[in-house]
N, C-alpha and C. Protein backbone atom coordinates (compact mmCIF):
# COMPACT_ATOMS: atom_id res chain seq x y z
N MET A 1 -90.91 122.31 -16.75
CA MET A 1 -89.77 121.67 -17.04
C MET A 1 -89.71 119.59 -17.41
N LYS A 2 -89.21 119.79 -18.58
CA LYS A 2 -88.93 118.40 -19.28
C LYS A 2 -87.77 117.65 -18.43
N LEU A 3 -88.13 116.45 -18.10
CA LEU A 3 -87.27 115.57 -17.57
C LEU A 3 -85.77 115.38 -18.35
N ILE A 4 -85.99 115.16 -19.42
CA ILE A 4 -84.56 115.57 -20.47
C ILE A 4 -85.12 116.44 -21.56
N ASP A 5 -84.13 117.40 -21.13
CA ASP A 5 -84.01 118.56 -22.16
C ASP A 5 -83.30 118.18 -23.48
N GLU A 6 -83.53 119.17 -24.21
CA GLU A 6 -83.04 118.98 -26.11
C GLU A 6 -81.35 118.66 -26.14
N LYS A 7 -80.51 118.86 -24.74
CA LYS A 7 -79.02 118.60 -24.67
C LYS A 7 -78.75 117.38 -24.45
N GLY A 8 -79.79 116.71 -24.20
CA GLY A 8 -79.66 115.12 -23.05
C GLY A 8 -79.63 115.19 -21.81
N ARG A 9 -79.48 116.21 -20.44
CA ARG A 9 -79.40 116.62 -19.90
C ARG A 9 -80.39 116.29 -19.02
N LEU A 10 -79.98 115.72 -17.89
CA LEU A 10 -81.68 115.21 -17.11
C LEU A 10 -82.02 116.73 -15.96
N PHE A 11 -83.43 116.57 -15.94
CA PHE A 11 -84.07 118.02 -15.44
C PHE A 11 -82.98 119.55 -15.87
N GLY A 12 -82.74 119.50 -17.22
CA GLY A 12 -81.71 120.35 -17.14
C GLY A 12 -80.59 120.65 -16.71
N LYS A 13 -79.89 119.93 -15.63
CA LYS A 13 -78.77 119.92 -15.18
C LYS A 13 -77.82 118.81 -15.05
N VAL A 14 -78.30 117.54 -15.69
CA VAL A 14 -76.98 116.64 -15.40
C VAL A 14 -76.99 115.63 -16.62
N ASN A 15 -76.45 115.68 -16.90
CA ASN A 15 -75.68 114.51 -18.69
C ASN A 15 -76.70 113.41 -18.29
N ILE A 16 -77.78 112.42 -18.92
CA ILE A 16 -78.12 111.31 -18.43
C ILE A 16 -76.85 110.50 -18.69
N PHE A 17 -75.77 110.45 -19.65
CA PHE A 17 -74.99 109.00 -19.69
C PHE A 17 -74.07 109.14 -18.30
N ASP A 18 -73.76 110.66 -17.97
CA ASP A 18 -72.98 110.82 -16.10
C ASP A 18 -73.94 110.26 -15.60
N PHE A 19 -75.33 110.32 -15.38
CA PHE A 19 -76.09 109.80 -14.09
C PHE A 19 -76.26 108.18 -13.96
N ILE A 20 -76.11 107.78 -15.50
CA ILE A 20 -76.08 106.30 -15.26
C ILE A 20 -74.81 105.95 -14.72
N ILE A 21 -73.62 106.59 -15.57
CA ILE A 21 -72.28 106.15 -14.72
C ILE A 21 -72.31 105.88 -13.41
N LEU A 22 -72.35 107.08 -12.76
CA LEU A 22 -72.68 107.68 -11.25
C LEU A 22 -73.92 106.45 -10.46
N LEU A 23 -74.81 106.12 -11.20
CA LEU A 23 -75.24 105.60 -10.34
C LEU A 23 -75.08 104.17 -10.40
N ALA A 24 -74.87 103.38 -11.72
CA ALA A 24 -73.65 102.10 -11.58
C ALA A 24 -72.26 102.01 -10.54
N ILE A 25 -71.69 103.33 -10.02
CA ILE A 25 -70.19 103.10 -9.48
C ILE A 25 -71.31 102.90 -8.18
N VAL A 26 -72.29 103.73 -7.61
CA VAL A 26 -72.85 103.72 -6.70
C VAL A 26 -73.57 102.12 -5.97
N LEU A 27 -74.16 101.57 -7.07
CA LEU A 27 -74.35 100.32 -7.00
C LEU A 27 -73.46 99.41 -6.65
N VAL A 28 -72.22 99.61 -7.40
CA VAL A 28 -70.93 98.63 -7.47
C VAL A 28 -70.64 98.77 -5.87
N VAL A 29 -70.11 100.07 -5.71
CA VAL A 29 -69.73 100.50 -4.29
C VAL A 29 -70.91 99.90 -3.05
N GLY A 30 -71.71 100.24 -2.85
CA GLY A 30 -72.68 99.12 -2.20
C GLY A 30 -72.74 97.73 -2.43
N GLY A 31 -72.69 97.37 -3.26
CA GLY A 31 -72.77 95.94 -3.56
C GLY A 31 -71.41 95.08 -2.63
N VAL A 32 -70.27 95.56 -3.08
CA VAL A 32 -68.48 95.63 -2.02
C VAL A 32 -69.41 95.39 -0.54
N GLY A 33 -69.52 96.80 -0.21
CA GLY A 33 -69.72 97.16 0.62
C GLY A 33 -70.57 96.48 1.42
N TYR A 34 -72.09 95.70 1.15
CA TYR A 34 -72.65 95.00 1.53
C TYR A 34 -71.55 93.06 1.92
N LYS A 35 -70.96 93.20 1.25
CA LYS A 35 -70.24 91.45 1.05
C LYS A 35 -69.00 91.50 2.26
N LEU A 36 -68.67 92.83 2.30
CA LEU A 36 -67.76 93.42 3.44
C LEU A 36 -68.33 93.27 5.31
N ILE A 37 -69.62 93.86 4.69
CA ILE A 37 -69.97 93.34 6.06
C ILE A 37 -70.74 92.44 6.55
N GLN A 38 -70.69 91.74 4.85
CA GLN A 38 -71.19 90.21 5.73
C GLN A 38 -70.27 89.17 6.42
N ARG A 39 -68.68 88.93 5.21
CA ARG A 39 -67.98 88.38 5.82
C ARG A 39 -67.69 89.07 7.59
N SER A 40 -67.86 89.97 7.63
CA SER A 40 -67.05 90.40 9.03
C SER A 40 -68.09 89.65 10.28
N LYS A 41 -69.54 89.60 9.70
CA LYS A 41 -70.25 89.08 10.84
C LYS A 41 -69.99 87.38 10.28
N GLU A 42 -69.54 87.26 9.70
CA GLU A 42 -69.27 85.54 9.48
C GLU A 42 -68.25 85.16 10.30
N LYS A 43 -67.25 85.78 10.07
CA LYS A 43 -66.01 85.83 11.18
C LYS A 43 -66.27 86.06 12.24
N SER A 44 -67.05 87.28 12.57
CA SER A 44 -67.41 87.18 14.09
C SER A 44 -67.84 86.33 15.09
N GLY A 45 -68.87 85.37 14.32
CA GLY A 45 -69.36 84.23 14.65
C GLY A 45 -71.05 85.01 14.81
N GLN A 46 -71.41 86.14 14.04
CA GLN A 46 -72.72 86.70 14.47
C GLN A 46 -73.48 86.00 13.69
N ILE A 47 -73.32 84.95 12.82
CA ILE A 47 -74.26 84.49 11.41
C ILE A 47 -74.40 82.92 11.94
N PRO A 48 -75.47 82.45 13.02
CA PRO A 48 -75.39 80.80 13.18
C PRO A 48 -74.99 80.08 12.22
N VAL A 49 -73.93 78.81 12.66
CA VAL A 49 -73.79 77.53 12.16
C VAL A 49 -74.26 76.06 12.58
N LYS A 50 -74.49 75.41 11.39
CA LYS A 50 -75.26 74.28 11.90
C LYS A 50 -73.82 73.64 11.30
N ASN A 51 -73.67 72.48 12.62
CA ASN A 51 -72.30 71.74 12.17
C ASN A 51 -73.08 69.95 11.72
N TYR A 52 -72.70 69.50 10.72
CA TYR A 52 -72.08 68.30 10.24
C TYR A 52 -71.41 67.33 10.25
N ILE A 53 -71.56 66.56 9.93
CA ILE A 53 -70.74 65.42 10.17
C ILE A 53 -70.73 64.72 8.66
N VAL A 54 -70.11 64.78 7.28
CA VAL A 54 -70.19 64.56 6.50
C VAL A 54 -68.96 62.96 5.71
N THR A 55 -69.05 61.87 5.20
CA THR A 55 -68.85 60.39 4.85
C THR A 55 -68.59 60.65 3.80
N VAL A 56 -66.96 60.52 3.32
CA VAL A 56 -66.57 60.65 1.90
C VAL A 56 -65.67 59.30 1.86
N LYS A 57 -66.03 58.29 0.75
CA LYS A 57 -65.71 57.71 0.40
C LYS A 57 -64.09 57.74 -0.36
N CYS A 58 -62.79 57.90 -0.54
CA CYS A 58 -62.29 57.99 -1.63
C CYS A 58 -61.62 56.25 -2.01
N ALA A 59 -62.32 56.06 -3.25
CA ALA A 59 -61.39 54.68 -3.50
C ALA A 59 -60.04 54.17 -4.14
N ALA A 60 -59.59 53.01 -3.86
CA ALA A 60 -58.53 52.59 -4.26
C ALA A 60 -57.08 53.71 -4.00
N MET A 61 -57.04 53.98 -2.77
CA MET A 61 -56.22 54.72 -2.46
C MET A 61 -54.90 54.31 -2.01
N PRO A 62 -53.77 54.63 -1.74
CA PRO A 62 -52.22 53.61 -1.37
C PRO A 62 -52.24 54.21 -0.31
N ASP A 63 -51.45 53.39 0.61
CA ASP A 63 -51.44 53.23 1.97
C ASP A 63 -51.28 54.98 2.70
N THR A 64 -49.93 54.86 1.57
CA THR A 64 -49.58 56.45 2.72
C THR A 64 -50.51 57.71 2.71
N PHE A 65 -51.79 57.54 1.42
CA PHE A 65 -53.09 58.35 1.67
C PHE A 65 -53.92 58.57 3.61
N SER A 66 -53.71 57.83 3.96
CA SER A 66 -54.36 58.33 5.02
C SER A 66 -52.82 58.68 6.23
N LYS A 67 -51.99 58.35 6.57
CA LYS A 67 -50.92 58.98 7.10
C LYS A 67 -50.42 60.31 6.70
N ALA A 68 -50.61 60.67 5.45
CA ALA A 68 -50.76 62.30 5.22
C ALA A 68 -52.41 63.28 5.65
N LEU A 69 -53.47 62.48 5.51
CA LEU A 69 -54.50 62.82 5.82
C LEU A 69 -54.14 63.04 7.47
N GLU A 70 -53.06 62.41 7.94
CA GLU A 70 -53.82 62.58 9.64
C GLU A 70 -52.60 63.76 9.33
N LYS A 71 -51.23 64.53 8.77
CA LYS A 71 -50.59 64.94 9.20
C LYS A 71 -51.44 66.75 9.51
N ASP A 72 -52.13 67.51 9.08
CA ASP A 72 -53.28 68.72 8.46
C ASP A 72 -54.31 67.98 8.37
N LYS A 73 -55.23 68.05 9.67
CA LYS A 73 -56.92 67.31 9.28
C LYS A 73 -57.95 68.81 8.80
N ARG A 74 -56.88 70.21 8.46
CA ARG A 74 -58.08 71.02 7.98
C ARG A 74 -57.97 70.60 6.19
N LEU A 75 -59.12 70.48 5.63
CA LEU A 75 -59.34 71.09 4.04
C LEU A 75 -58.80 71.75 3.16
N TYR A 76 -58.22 72.41 2.72
CA TYR A 76 -58.03 73.29 1.84
C TYR A 76 -57.48 73.28 0.70
N TYR A 77 -58.71 74.51 -0.29
CA TYR A 77 -58.40 74.56 -1.13
C TYR A 77 -57.53 75.71 -2.20
N ASP A 78 -56.86 75.56 -3.26
CA ASP A 78 -56.30 76.32 -3.87
C ASP A 78 -57.24 77.67 -4.01
N ASN A 79 -58.03 78.05 -4.33
CA ASN A 79 -58.88 78.97 -4.83
C ASN A 79 -59.66 79.22 -3.44
N ASP A 80 -59.68 78.78 -2.29
CA ASP A 80 -60.67 78.99 -0.97
C ASP A 80 -59.87 79.44 0.07
N GLY A 81 -58.43 78.48 0.13
CA GLY A 81 -57.53 78.37 1.25
C GLY A 81 -58.52 77.02 2.43
N PHE A 82 -58.14 77.35 3.46
CA PHE A 82 -58.47 76.65 4.47
C PHE A 82 -60.21 76.64 4.61
N VAL A 83 -60.45 75.21 4.67
CA VAL A 83 -63.03 75.75 4.28
C VAL A 83 -62.96 75.50 5.59
N ASN A 84 -64.55 75.58 5.73
CA ASN A 84 -65.08 75.45 6.57
C ASN A 84 -65.37 74.06 7.77
N ALA A 85 -64.68 72.25 7.12
CA ALA A 85 -64.43 71.34 7.36
C ALA A 85 -63.18 70.99 8.05
N LYS A 86 -62.95 70.03 8.62
CA LYS A 86 -62.19 69.48 9.47
C LYS A 86 -61.94 68.11 9.30
N ILE A 87 -61.06 67.13 9.37
CA ILE A 87 -61.03 65.63 8.89
C ILE A 87 -60.85 65.15 11.10
N VAL A 88 -62.47 64.41 11.08
CA VAL A 88 -62.55 63.90 12.79
C VAL A 88 -62.16 62.38 12.56
N ALA A 89 -62.09 61.82 11.33
CA ALA A 89 -62.17 60.55 11.50
C ALA A 89 -61.91 59.90 10.46
N ILE A 90 -60.44 58.80 10.05
CA ILE A 90 -60.48 58.07 8.88
C ILE A 90 -60.60 56.73 9.23
N LYS A 91 -60.60 55.84 8.33
CA LYS A 91 -61.01 54.40 8.75
C LYS A 91 -60.49 54.37 7.18
N GLU A 92 -59.98 53.12 7.09
CA GLU A 92 -59.46 52.09 6.24
C GLU A 92 -59.47 50.56 5.89
N VAL A 93 -60.21 50.47 5.11
CA VAL A 93 -60.89 49.10 4.61
C VAL A 93 -59.86 48.20 3.19
N PRO A 94 -59.61 47.16 3.29
CA PRO A 94 -59.23 47.05 1.62
C PRO A 94 -59.66 47.29 0.78
N ALA A 95 -59.19 47.61 -0.41
CA ALA A 95 -59.54 48.03 -1.75
C ALA A 95 -60.34 46.95 -2.73
N VAL A 96 -61.07 46.35 -3.32
CA VAL A 96 -61.49 45.69 -3.48
C VAL A 96 -61.46 46.36 -5.66
N ILE A 97 -60.75 45.33 -6.02
CA ILE A 97 -60.14 45.87 -7.33
C ILE A 97 -60.56 44.78 -8.36
N GLU A 98 -60.58 44.75 -9.54
CA GLU A 98 -61.28 43.91 -10.53
C GLU A 98 -59.53 43.32 -10.73
N VAL A 99 -59.80 42.16 -11.21
CA VAL A 99 -58.34 41.90 -11.85
C VAL A 99 -58.78 41.07 -13.22
N THR A 100 -57.79 40.38 -13.83
CA THR A 100 -58.13 39.55 -15.12
C THR A 100 -57.09 38.68 -14.62
N THR A 101 -58.22 37.32 -14.46
CA THR A 101 -57.50 35.94 -13.82
C THR A 101 -56.13 35.50 -15.27
N ALA A 102 -55.92 34.25 -15.50
CA ALA A 102 -54.99 33.49 -16.55
C ALA A 102 -56.01 33.44 -17.61
N ASP A 103 -56.89 32.37 -17.28
CA ASP A 103 -58.01 32.46 -18.60
C ASP A 103 -58.80 33.76 -19.12
N GLY A 104 -58.61 34.54 -18.43
CA GLY A 104 -59.27 36.38 -18.73
C GLY A 104 -60.65 36.11 -18.25
N LYS A 105 -60.93 36.54 -17.53
CA LYS A 105 -62.26 36.22 -17.05
C LYS A 105 -61.68 37.80 -15.67
N LEU A 106 -63.01 38.42 -15.15
CA LEU A 106 -62.67 39.83 -14.70
C LEU A 106 -63.23 38.89 -13.45
N VAL A 107 -62.44 39.07 -12.24
CA VAL A 107 -63.01 38.91 -10.71
C VAL A 107 -62.75 40.03 -10.18
N GLU A 108 -63.24 39.87 -9.18
CA GLU A 108 -63.03 41.10 -7.77
C GLU A 108 -62.35 40.31 -6.92
N ALA A 109 -61.39 41.12 -6.41
CA ALA A 109 -60.25 40.44 -5.64
C ALA A 109 -59.55 42.08 -4.62
N GLU A 110 -59.19 41.61 -3.44
CA GLU A 110 -58.52 42.54 -2.30
C GLU A 110 -57.03 42.82 -2.62
N SER A 111 -57.04 44.23 -3.13
CA SER A 111 -56.13 45.25 -3.53
C SER A 111 -54.28 44.66 -2.37
N PRO A 112 -53.44 44.19 -2.65
CA PRO A 112 -52.58 44.30 -1.62
C PRO A 112 -52.06 45.63 -1.02
N SER A 113 -51.77 46.44 -1.39
CA SER A 113 -51.46 47.64 -1.68
C SER A 113 -52.76 48.65 -1.93
N LEU A 114 -53.92 48.72 -1.65
CA LEU A 114 -54.62 49.81 -2.26
C LEU A 114 -55.38 49.80 -1.27
N ASN A 115 -56.08 50.72 -0.76
CA ASN A 115 -57.21 50.90 0.70
C ASN A 115 -58.30 51.75 0.25
N ASP A 116 -59.55 51.18 0.65
CA ASP A 116 -60.53 52.58 0.70
C ASP A 116 -60.31 53.15 1.74
N VAL A 117 -60.58 54.12 1.30
CA VAL A 117 -60.38 55.05 2.96
C VAL A 117 -61.14 56.05 3.13
N TYR A 118 -62.28 56.06 4.72
CA TYR A 118 -63.42 56.90 4.27
C TYR A 118 -62.83 57.50 5.67
N VAL A 119 -63.98 58.65 4.94
CA VAL A 119 -63.01 60.23 5.69
C VAL A 119 -64.12 60.87 6.51
N ASP A 120 -64.42 60.56 7.74
CA ASP A 120 -65.69 61.80 7.94
C ASP A 120 -64.95 63.11 8.46
N LEU A 121 -65.76 64.51 8.23
CA LEU A 121 -65.42 65.40 8.26
C LEU A 121 -66.61 66.05 9.11
N GLU A 122 -65.87 67.19 10.08
CA GLU A 122 -67.04 67.96 10.26
C GLU A 122 -67.37 69.47 9.97
N VAL A 123 -68.22 69.44 9.17
CA VAL A 123 -68.88 70.91 8.45
C VAL A 123 -69.50 71.74 9.41
N ALA A 124 -69.56 73.06 8.86
CA ALA A 124 -70.13 74.29 9.87
C ALA A 124 -70.47 74.92 8.71
N ASP A 125 -71.38 74.95 8.25
CA ASP A 125 -72.11 75.85 7.59
C ASP A 125 -73.36 76.88 7.55
N LYS A 126 -73.23 77.39 7.28
CA LYS A 126 -74.41 78.85 7.94
C LYS A 126 -76.25 78.08 8.18
N ALA A 127 -77.08 78.54 8.82
CA ALA A 127 -77.48 77.64 9.76
C ALA A 127 -78.69 78.00 8.46
N ASN A 128 -78.57 79.20 7.92
CA ASN A 128 -79.85 80.11 7.25
C ASN A 128 -80.01 79.39 5.89
N GLU A 129 -78.69 78.64 5.76
CA GLU A 129 -78.38 78.01 4.21
C GLU A 129 -79.44 76.66 3.78
N GLU A 130 -80.04 76.95 2.38
CA GLU A 130 -80.81 75.53 2.27
C GLU A 130 -79.54 73.89 1.62
N THR A 131 -78.61 74.68 1.22
CA THR A 131 -77.69 73.46 1.19
C THR A 131 -76.70 73.13 2.26
N ILE A 132 -76.00 71.92 2.27
CA ILE A 132 -74.66 72.01 2.78
C ILE A 132 -72.94 72.54 2.03
N LYS A 133 -72.39 73.45 2.60
CA LYS A 133 -71.30 73.72 1.63
C LYS A 133 -70.24 73.20 2.03
N ILE A 134 -69.45 73.01 1.41
CA ILE A 134 -67.69 72.71 1.77
C ILE A 134 -67.11 73.63 0.87
N GLY A 135 -66.44 75.17 1.58
CA GLY A 135 -66.33 75.70 0.57
C GLY A 135 -67.04 76.34 0.02
N ARG A 136 -66.50 76.14 -1.27
CA ARG A 136 -67.50 76.52 -2.55
C ARG A 136 -68.86 75.60 -3.03
N THR A 137 -68.13 74.17 -3.15
CA THR A 137 -68.87 72.88 -2.86
C THR A 137 -69.47 72.98 -2.60
N THR A 138 -71.31 72.18 -2.86
CA THR A 138 -72.18 72.19 -1.88
C THR A 138 -71.74 70.73 -2.14
N VAL A 139 -72.64 70.63 -1.12
CA VAL A 139 -72.06 68.59 -0.99
C VAL A 139 -73.84 68.13 -0.84
N SER A 140 -73.83 66.97 -0.88
CA SER A 140 -74.98 66.02 -1.04
C SER A 140 -74.90 64.48 -1.18
N VAL A 141 -75.29 63.72 -0.40
CA VAL A 141 -75.06 61.97 -0.81
C VAL A 141 -74.92 61.77 -2.17
N GLY A 142 -73.87 61.03 -2.65
CA GLY A 142 -73.75 60.76 -3.91
C GLY A 142 -73.37 61.21 -4.41
N SER A 143 -72.62 62.66 -4.47
CA SER A 143 -71.97 63.85 -5.06
C SER A 143 -70.97 63.23 -4.36
N LYS A 144 -69.74 63.78 -5.99
CA LYS A 144 -68.01 64.14 -6.17
C LYS A 144 -67.85 65.00 -5.09
N LEU A 145 -66.53 64.53 -4.17
CA LEU A 145 -65.80 65.02 -3.53
C LEU A 145 -64.55 65.30 -3.20
N ASN A 146 -63.58 66.08 -3.68
CA ASN A 146 -62.47 66.06 -3.52
C ASN A 146 -62.07 66.23 -2.12
N ILE A 147 -61.09 65.25 -1.52
CA ILE A 147 -60.51 65.89 -0.16
C ILE A 147 -59.54 66.42 -0.09
N LYS A 148 -59.11 67.51 -0.02
CA LYS A 148 -57.77 68.00 0.01
C LYS A 148 -56.96 68.22 1.31
N THR A 149 -56.31 68.18 1.36
CA THR A 149 -55.33 69.06 2.74
C THR A 149 -53.83 69.46 1.80
N ILE A 150 -53.06 70.25 2.52
CA ILE A 150 -51.85 70.63 1.75
C ILE A 150 -50.57 69.32 1.66
N TYR A 151 -51.32 68.28 2.26
CA TYR A 151 -50.40 66.92 2.22
C TYR A 151 -50.62 66.21 1.60
N ALA A 152 -52.24 65.90 1.28
CA ALA A 152 -52.80 65.01 0.38
C ALA A 152 -53.91 65.21 -0.55
N LEU A 153 -54.51 64.48 -1.13
CA LEU A 153 -55.17 64.65 -2.33
C LEU A 153 -55.82 63.55 -2.62
N GLY A 154 -57.36 63.30 -2.85
CA GLY A 154 -57.92 62.42 -2.51
C GLY A 154 -58.64 62.88 -3.86
N ILE A 155 -58.46 62.37 -4.85
CA ILE A 155 -59.76 62.99 -6.34
C ILE A 155 -60.89 61.61 -6.05
N ASP A 156 -62.32 62.68 -6.52
CA ASP A 156 -63.54 61.97 -6.82
C ASP A 156 -63.80 60.95 -5.71
N GLY A 157 -63.86 61.51 -4.48
CA GLY A 157 -63.98 61.27 -3.41
C GLY A 157 -66.11 60.88 -3.14
N VAL A 158 -66.59 59.65 -2.55
CA VAL A 158 -68.03 59.90 -3.15
C VAL A 158 -68.60 60.23 -1.53
N VAL A 159 -69.98 61.16 -1.45
CA VAL A 159 -70.21 61.67 -0.23
C VAL A 159 -71.08 60.16 0.26
N MET A 160 -71.22 59.62 1.15
CA MET A 160 -71.75 58.69 1.23
C MET A 160 -73.00 58.56 2.38
N ASP A 161 -72.51 59.77 3.34
CA ASP A 161 -73.90 59.99 4.42
C ASP A 161 -72.75 61.39 4.85
N ILE A 162 -74.60 61.89 5.32
CA ILE A 162 -75.04 63.51 5.65
C ILE A 162 -75.70 62.88 7.41
N LYS A 163 -74.77 63.68 7.80
CA LYS A 163 -75.59 64.09 9.47
C LYS A 163 -75.47 64.56 10.09
N GLU A 164 -76.93 65.30 10.86
CA GLU A 164 -76.20 66.29 11.54
C GLU A 164 -75.94 66.32 13.39
N LYS A 165 -74.94 67.78 13.50
CA LYS A 165 -74.71 66.76 14.96
C LYS A 165 -74.96 67.34 15.92
């Protein structure tokens, strides 16, 4: 018996194209099922997590930024919803900005209305991962991270420190 006969059927019974389509459907259904099982394990706490404190500096933010962060300390991203990080501490220091003097020189001076805001985030990430993620974003010291809640957005924050909790 031939593997594929003259009519293009596998073992003389099944059309080869139908078999390929059926195999693709089985693989897709299997992949979706695996993802659903993994998500349910994550939500039920069966996958161990590791906790980190990630410090992010948001430079030259308005005075109202810290107050807005205090309203809801959960991080929220449009594509992910609430993620695996929450704000545990906020520290403000006066922002140092460059200003032009009357004679045209650039000098650094403290801003009367802007603050550098240091935000400590508690992150619960999967223990078996090699990277640390907040939502879908991998973080490391020196990387950029937007601090976003439903009340505030700090664009281009810089990760200053990561510590295991």
